[in-house]
Amino acid sequence: MSADEAVIRFIVGGLFVSAFAVLADILKPKSFAGLFGAAPSIALATLIITIANQGASYAALEARSMIGGALGFCIYAYSVAKLMAPATYSSKVVTSASLVVWFIIVLGFGIASK
């Protein structure tokens, strides 16, 4: 990565993080602040730089990969929450099994999008 690209990443990423932080501050509950402050802003900054460097078709592939990862994470979080609620299973077993499910979803999503 060149120095120019690093500066652009810093500026674009900072602008998006700031914009999403303001949005999160406006919205209720305040727990959205972390959610809106990190992932969407970094993803948008990355996509803008990817479009500039690699083109729109490559950025579209990256965006589909981000969607697959997010979908996998949502299913992971849901399954961990449901399996841990009754306090029947060990947290190590639940998180390990759910991580396997997450990886299968992400890999399946990646294979299907090619």
N, C-alpha and C. Protein backbone atom coordinates (compact mmCIF):
# COMPACT_ATOMS: atom_id res chain seq x y z
N MET A 1 0.86 -1.16 0.00
CA MET A 1 0.00 0.00 0.00
C MET A 1 0.91 1.23 0.00
N SER A 2 0.62 2.15 -0.89
CA SER A 2 1.42 3.36 -0.99
C SER A 2 1.01 4.36 0.09
N ALA A 3 1.85 5.37 0.25
CA ALA A 3 1.56 6.40 1.25
C ALA A 3 0.30 7.17 0.89
N ASP A 4 0.10 7.43 -0.41
CA ASP A 4 -1.11 8.14 -0.86
C ASP A 4 -2.37 7.35 -0.54
N GLU A 5 -2.30 6.05 -0.79
CA GLU A 5 -3.47 5.19 -0.50
C GLU A 5 -3.75 5.14 1.00
N ALA A 6 -2.71 5.11 1.80
CA ALA A 6 -2.89 5.10 3.25
C ALA A 6 -3.56 6.38 3.73
N VAL A 7 -3.16 7.52 3.16
CA VAL A 7 -3.77 8.81 3.54
C VAL A 7 -5.24 8.84 3.12
N ILE A 8 -5.52 8.35 1.92
CA ILE A 8 -6.91 8.31 1.44
C ILE A 8 -7.75 7.40 2.34
N ARG A 9 -7.21 6.23 2.69
CA ARG A 9 -7.93 5.32 3.59
C ARG A 9 -8.22 5.99 4.93
N PHE A 10 -7.23 6.69 5.43
CA PHE A 10 -7.38 7.36 6.72
C PHE A 10 -8.47 8.42 6.65
N ILE A 11 -8.46 9.23 5.60
CA ILE A 11 -9.43 10.32 5.47
C ILE A 11 -10.84 9.77 5.23
N VAL A 12 -10.97 8.88 4.26
CA VAL A 12 -12.29 8.33 3.93
C VAL A 12 -12.84 7.53 5.11
N GLY A 13 -12.00 6.69 5.70
CA GLY A 13 -12.45 5.91 6.86
C GLY A 13 -12.86 6.81 8.02
N GLY A 14 -12.07 7.85 8.28
CA GLY A 14 -12.40 8.78 9.35
C GLY A 14 -13.69 9.53 9.11
N LEU A 15 -13.91 9.93 7.86
CA LEU A 15 -15.16 10.62 7.53
C LEU A 15 -16.37 9.72 7.74
N PHE A 16 -16.27 8.47 7.29
CA PHE A 16 -17.39 7.55 7.47
C PHE A 16 -17.61 7.20 8.94
N VAL A 17 -16.54 6.98 9.68
CA VAL A 17 -16.69 6.68 11.10
C VAL A 17 -17.36 7.85 11.80
N SER A 18 -16.94 9.06 11.47
CA SER A 18 -17.54 10.26 12.09
C SER A 18 -19.02 10.39 11.71
N ALA A 19 -19.33 10.17 10.44
CA ALA A 19 -20.72 10.29 9.99
C ALA A 19 -21.61 9.26 10.67
N PHE A 20 -21.14 8.03 10.76
CA PHE A 20 -21.94 6.99 11.41
C PHE A 20 -22.01 7.22 12.92
N ALA A 21 -20.98 7.80 13.51
CA ALA A 21 -21.04 8.11 14.95
C ALA A 21 -22.11 9.16 15.22
N VAL A 22 -22.21 10.16 14.34
CA VAL A 22 -23.25 11.18 14.49
C VAL A 22 -24.63 10.53 14.34
N LEU A 23 -24.77 9.66 13.34
CA LEU A 23 -26.04 8.95 13.13
C LEU A 23 -26.39 8.11 14.36
N ALA A 24 -25.40 7.41 14.89
CA ALA A 24 -25.65 6.58 16.07
C ALA A 24 -26.01 7.42 17.28
N ASP A 25 -25.45 8.61 17.37
CA ASP A 25 -25.76 9.49 18.50
C ASP A 25 -27.19 9.99 18.42
N ILE A 26 -27.71 10.15 17.21
CA ILE A 26 -29.08 10.61 17.01
C ILE A 26 -30.08 9.50 17.32
N LEU A 27 -29.73 8.27 16.95
CA LEU A 27 -30.65 7.14 17.11
C LEU A 27 -30.70 6.65 18.55
N LYS A 28 -31.79 6.01 18.88
CA LYS A 28 -31.96 5.40 20.18
C LYS A 28 -32.13 3.91 19.96
N PRO A 29 -31.68 3.01 20.76
CA PRO A 29 -30.86 3.20 21.94
C PRO A 29 -29.42 3.50 21.57
N LYS A 30 -28.66 3.95 22.54
CA LYS A 30 -27.26 4.32 22.31
C LYS A 30 -26.38 3.12 22.00
N SER A 31 -26.89 1.92 22.22
CA SER A 31 -26.09 0.73 21.93
C SER A 31 -25.82 0.59 20.43
N PHE A 32 -26.55 1.32 19.59
CA PHE A 32 -26.29 1.31 18.17
C PHE A 32 -24.98 2.00 17.81
N ALA A 33 -24.44 2.80 18.71
CA ALA A 33 -23.25 3.59 18.42
C ALA A 33 -22.09 2.71 17.96
N GLY A 34 -21.82 1.64 18.67
CA GLY A 34 -20.72 0.76 18.29
C GLY A 34 -20.99 0.05 16.97
N LEU A 35 -22.23 -0.36 16.78
CA LEU A 35 -22.61 -1.05 15.56
C LEU A 35 -22.44 -0.15 14.34
N PHE A 36 -22.93 1.08 14.44
CA PHE A 36 -22.85 1.99 13.31
C PHE A 36 -21.48 2.65 13.18
N GLY A 37 -20.72 2.67 14.25
CA GLY A 37 -19.43 3.36 14.21
C GLY A 37 -18.34 2.56 13.54
N ALA A 38 -18.46 1.26 13.48
CA ALA A 38 -17.34 0.45 13.01
C ALA A 38 -17.60 -0.20 11.65
N ALA A 39 -18.38 -1.24 11.63
CA ALA A 39 -18.49 -2.08 10.44
C ALA A 39 -18.95 -1.35 9.18
N PRO A 40 -20.06 -0.62 9.18
CA PRO A 40 -20.49 0.00 7.93
C PRO A 40 -19.51 1.05 7.42
N SER A 41 -18.93 1.81 8.31
CA SER A 41 -18.03 2.88 7.87
C SER A 41 -16.76 2.30 7.26
N ILE A 42 -16.21 1.28 7.85
CA ILE A 42 -15.00 0.66 7.31
C ILE A 42 -15.32 -0.05 6.00
N ALA A 43 -16.47 -0.71 5.94
CA ALA A 43 -16.86 -1.39 4.70
C ALA A 43 -17.03 -0.40 3.55
N LEU A 44 -17.68 0.72 3.81
CA LEU A 44 -17.86 1.72 2.75
C LEU A 44 -16.55 2.32 2.32
N ALA A 45 -15.68 2.62 3.25
CA ALA A 45 -14.37 3.17 2.90
C ALA A 45 -13.57 2.16 2.07
N THR A 46 -13.62 0.91 2.46
CA THR A 46 -12.92 -0.13 1.72
C THR A 46 -13.48 -0.28 0.32
N LEU A 47 -14.81 -0.24 0.18
CA LEU A 47 -15.41 -0.37 -1.14
C LEU A 47 -15.06 0.81 -2.05
N ILE A 48 -15.04 2.00 -1.50
CA ILE A 48 -14.68 3.18 -2.31
C ILE A 48 -13.25 3.06 -2.83
N ILE A 49 -12.34 2.66 -1.96
CA ILE A 49 -10.95 2.51 -2.39
C ILE A 49 -10.81 1.35 -3.36
N THR A 50 -11.56 0.27 -3.15
CA THR A 50 -11.52 -0.87 -4.06
C THR A 50 -12.04 -0.49 -5.43
N ILE A 51 -13.11 0.28 -5.49
CA ILE A 51 -13.63 0.74 -6.78
C ILE A 51 -12.59 1.58 -7.50
N ALA A 52 -11.92 2.47 -6.76
CA ALA A 52 -10.91 3.33 -7.38
C ALA A 52 -9.71 2.53 -7.87
N ASN A 53 -9.31 1.50 -7.14
CA ASN A 53 -8.11 0.75 -7.51
C ASN A 53 -8.36 -0.46 -8.40
N GLN A 54 -9.47 -1.18 -8.17
CA GLN A 54 -9.70 -2.45 -8.85
C GLN A 54 -10.88 -2.45 -9.82
N GLY A 55 -11.75 -1.46 -9.71
CA GLY A 55 -12.92 -1.41 -10.58
C GLY A 55 -14.18 -1.87 -9.87
N ALA A 56 -15.30 -1.56 -10.51
CA ALA A 56 -16.61 -1.83 -9.91
C ALA A 56 -16.92 -3.32 -9.82
N SER A 57 -16.52 -4.12 -10.80
CA SER A 57 -16.86 -5.55 -10.76
C SER A 57 -16.13 -6.25 -9.61
N TYR A 58 -14.89 -5.89 -9.36
CA TYR A 58 -14.16 -6.47 -8.23
C TYR A 58 -14.77 -6.01 -6.91
N ALA A 59 -15.17 -4.74 -6.85
CA ALA A 59 -15.80 -4.22 -5.63
C ALA A 59 -17.14 -4.92 -5.38
N ALA A 60 -17.87 -5.25 -6.45
CA ALA A 60 -19.14 -5.97 -6.29
C ALA A 60 -18.90 -7.35 -5.68
N LEU A 61 -17.84 -8.02 -6.10
CA LEU A 61 -17.49 -9.32 -5.52
C LEU A 61 -17.14 -9.16 -4.04
N GLU A 62 -16.40 -8.12 -3.72
CA GLU A 62 -16.05 -7.85 -2.32
C GLU A 62 -17.31 -7.55 -1.49
N ALA A 63 -18.23 -6.79 -2.07
CA ALA A 63 -19.47 -6.47 -1.35
C ALA A 63 -20.30 -7.72 -1.09
N ARG A 64 -20.36 -8.63 -2.07
CA ARG A 64 -21.08 -9.89 -1.86
C ARG A 64 -20.41 -10.71 -0.75
N SER A 65 -19.10 -10.66 -0.70
CA SER A 65 -18.38 -11.37 0.36
C SER A 65 -18.70 -10.77 1.72
N MET A 66 -18.81 -9.44 1.79
CA MET A 66 -19.17 -8.78 3.04
C MET A 66 -20.58 -9.18 3.47
N ILE A 67 -21.48 -9.27 2.53
CA ILE A 67 -22.86 -9.67 2.84
C ILE A 67 -22.89 -11.10 3.35
N GLY A 68 -22.14 -11.99 2.72
CA GLY A 68 -22.07 -13.38 3.18
C GLY A 68 -21.50 -13.48 4.58
N GLY A 69 -20.46 -12.72 4.86
CA GLY A 69 -19.88 -12.71 6.21
C GLY A 69 -20.86 -12.19 7.24
N ALA A 70 -21.59 -11.14 6.89
CA ALA A 70 -22.57 -10.58 7.81
C ALA A 70 -23.71 -11.55 8.06
N LEU A 71 -24.17 -12.20 7.01
CA LEU A 71 -25.24 -13.20 7.16
C LEU A 71 -24.77 -14.35 8.05
N GLY A 72 -23.57 -14.82 7.80
CA GLY A 72 -23.01 -15.89 8.63
C GLY A 72 -22.89 -15.47 10.08
N PHE A 73 -22.46 -14.22 10.31
CA PHE A 73 -22.33 -13.74 11.68
C PHE A 73 -23.68 -13.64 12.36
N CYS A 74 -24.69 -13.17 11.65
CA CYS A 74 -26.03 -13.07 12.24
C CYS A 74 -26.55 -14.44 12.66
N ILE A 75 -26.36 -15.43 11.81
CA ILE A 75 -26.80 -16.79 12.15
C ILE A 75 -25.98 -17.33 13.31
N TYR A 76 -24.68 -17.05 13.32
CA TYR A 76 -23.82 -17.45 14.44
C TYR A 76 -24.32 -16.84 15.75
N ALA A 77 -24.54 -15.53 15.75
CA ALA A 77 -24.97 -14.85 16.97
C ALA A 77 -26.33 -15.36 17.44
N TYR A 78 -27.24 -15.58 16.50
CA TYR A 78 -28.57 -16.08 16.85
C TYR A 78 -28.47 -17.48 17.47
N SER A 79 -27.68 -18.34 16.84
CA SER A 79 -27.58 -19.72 17.36
C SER A 79 -26.90 -19.75 18.72
N VAL A 80 -25.86 -18.93 18.92
CA VAL A 80 -25.22 -18.89 20.23
C VAL A 80 -26.20 -18.39 21.30
N ALA A 81 -26.94 -17.34 20.97
CA ALA A 81 -27.90 -16.80 21.94
C ALA A 81 -28.97 -17.84 22.30
N LYS A 82 -29.48 -18.53 21.30
CA LYS A 82 -30.53 -19.53 21.56
C LYS A 82 -30.00 -20.72 22.33
N LEU A 83 -28.80 -21.16 22.01
CA LEU A 83 -28.26 -22.35 22.68
C LEU A 83 -27.72 -22.04 24.08
N MET A 84 -27.31 -20.81 24.31
CA MET A 84 -26.77 -20.45 25.63
C MET A 84 -27.85 -20.01 26.61
N ALA A 85 -29.02 -19.63 26.11
CA ALA A 85 -30.09 -19.13 26.98
C ALA A 85 -30.50 -20.13 28.05
N PRO A 86 -30.71 -21.40 27.72
CA PRO A 86 -31.12 -22.32 28.79
C PRO A 86 -29.97 -22.76 29.70
N ALA A 87 -28.75 -22.35 29.42
CA ALA A 87 -27.56 -22.70 30.22
C ALA A 87 -27.38 -24.20 30.35
N THR A 88 -27.70 -24.91 29.27
CA THR A 88 -27.57 -26.35 29.26
C THR A 88 -26.20 -26.80 28.74
N TYR A 89 -25.68 -26.06 27.79
CA TYR A 89 -24.46 -26.47 27.10
C TYR A 89 -23.28 -25.60 27.54
N SER A 90 -22.10 -26.14 27.35
CA SER A 90 -20.87 -25.41 27.64
C SER A 90 -20.67 -24.30 26.61
N SER A 91 -20.19 -23.17 27.04
CA SER A 91 -19.97 -22.05 26.12
C SER A 91 -18.92 -22.40 25.07
N LYS A 92 -17.92 -23.20 25.44
CA LYS A 92 -16.90 -23.62 24.48
C LYS A 92 -17.51 -24.47 23.37
N VAL A 93 -18.38 -25.38 23.74
CA VAL A 93 -19.01 -26.26 22.76
C VAL A 93 -19.93 -25.45 21.85
N VAL A 94 -20.74 -24.58 22.42
CA VAL A 94 -21.70 -23.79 21.64
C VAL A 94 -20.98 -22.86 20.66
N THR A 95 -19.99 -22.12 21.16
CA THR A 95 -19.30 -21.19 20.26
C THR A 95 -18.49 -21.91 19.20
N SER A 96 -17.89 -23.03 19.56
CA SER A 96 -17.12 -23.79 18.57
C SER A 96 -18.02 -24.36 17.47
N ALA A 97 -19.13 -24.94 17.88
CA ALA A 97 -20.07 -25.49 16.90
C ALA A 97 -20.67 -24.38 16.04
N SER A 98 -20.97 -23.25 16.64
CA SER A 98 -21.54 -22.14 15.88
C SER A 98 -20.52 -21.54 14.93
N LEU A 99 -19.25 -21.52 15.31
CA LEU A 99 -18.21 -21.04 14.39
C LEU A 99 -18.11 -21.93 13.15
N VAL A 100 -18.26 -23.23 13.36
CA VAL A 100 -18.25 -24.15 12.22
C VAL A 100 -19.41 -23.82 11.28
N VAL A 101 -20.58 -23.57 11.86
CA VAL A 101 -21.75 -23.20 11.04
C VAL A 101 -21.47 -21.89 10.29
N TRP A 102 -20.88 -20.92 10.97
CA TRP A 102 -20.55 -19.64 10.33
C TRP A 102 -19.62 -19.86 9.14
N PHE A 103 -18.58 -20.65 9.33
CA PHE A 103 -17.63 -20.89 8.24
C PHE A 103 -18.30 -21.61 7.07
N ILE A 104 -19.16 -22.56 7.36
CA ILE A 104 -19.86 -23.28 6.29
C ILE A 104 -20.74 -22.31 5.49
N ILE A 105 -21.44 -21.43 6.18
CA ILE A 105 -22.29 -20.44 5.50
C ILE A 105 -21.45 -19.51 4.64
N VAL A 106 -20.36 -19.01 5.20
CA VAL A 106 -19.52 -18.07 4.46
C VAL A 106 -18.89 -18.76 3.25
N LEU A 107 -18.38 -19.96 3.44
CA LEU A 107 -17.78 -20.68 2.31
C LEU A 107 -18.82 -21.02 1.25
N GLY A 108 -20.00 -21.44 1.69
CA GLY A 108 -21.08 -21.72 0.73
C GLY A 108 -21.50 -20.47 -0.02
N PHE A 109 -21.55 -19.36 0.67
CA PHE A 109 -21.92 -18.09 0.03
C PHE A 109 -20.85 -17.70 -0.99
N GLY A 110 -19.60 -17.89 -0.62
CA GLY A 110 -18.50 -17.55 -1.53
C GLY A 110 -18.48 -18.43 -2.78
N ILE A 111 -18.73 -19.70 -2.61
CA ILE A 111 -18.75 -20.61 -3.75
C ILE A 111 -19.93 -20.29 -4.66
N ALA A 112 -21.08 -19.99 -4.07
CA ALA A 112 -22.28 -19.70 -4.86
C ALA A 112 -22.16 -18.39 -5.62
N SER A 113 -21.36 -17.44 -5.12
CA SER A 113 -21.27 -16.14 -5.78
C SER A 113 -20.25 -16.10 -6.91
N LYS A 114 -19.51 -17.19 -7.09
CA LYS A 114 -18.51 -17.21 -8.17
C LYS A 114 -19.08 -17.60 -9.49
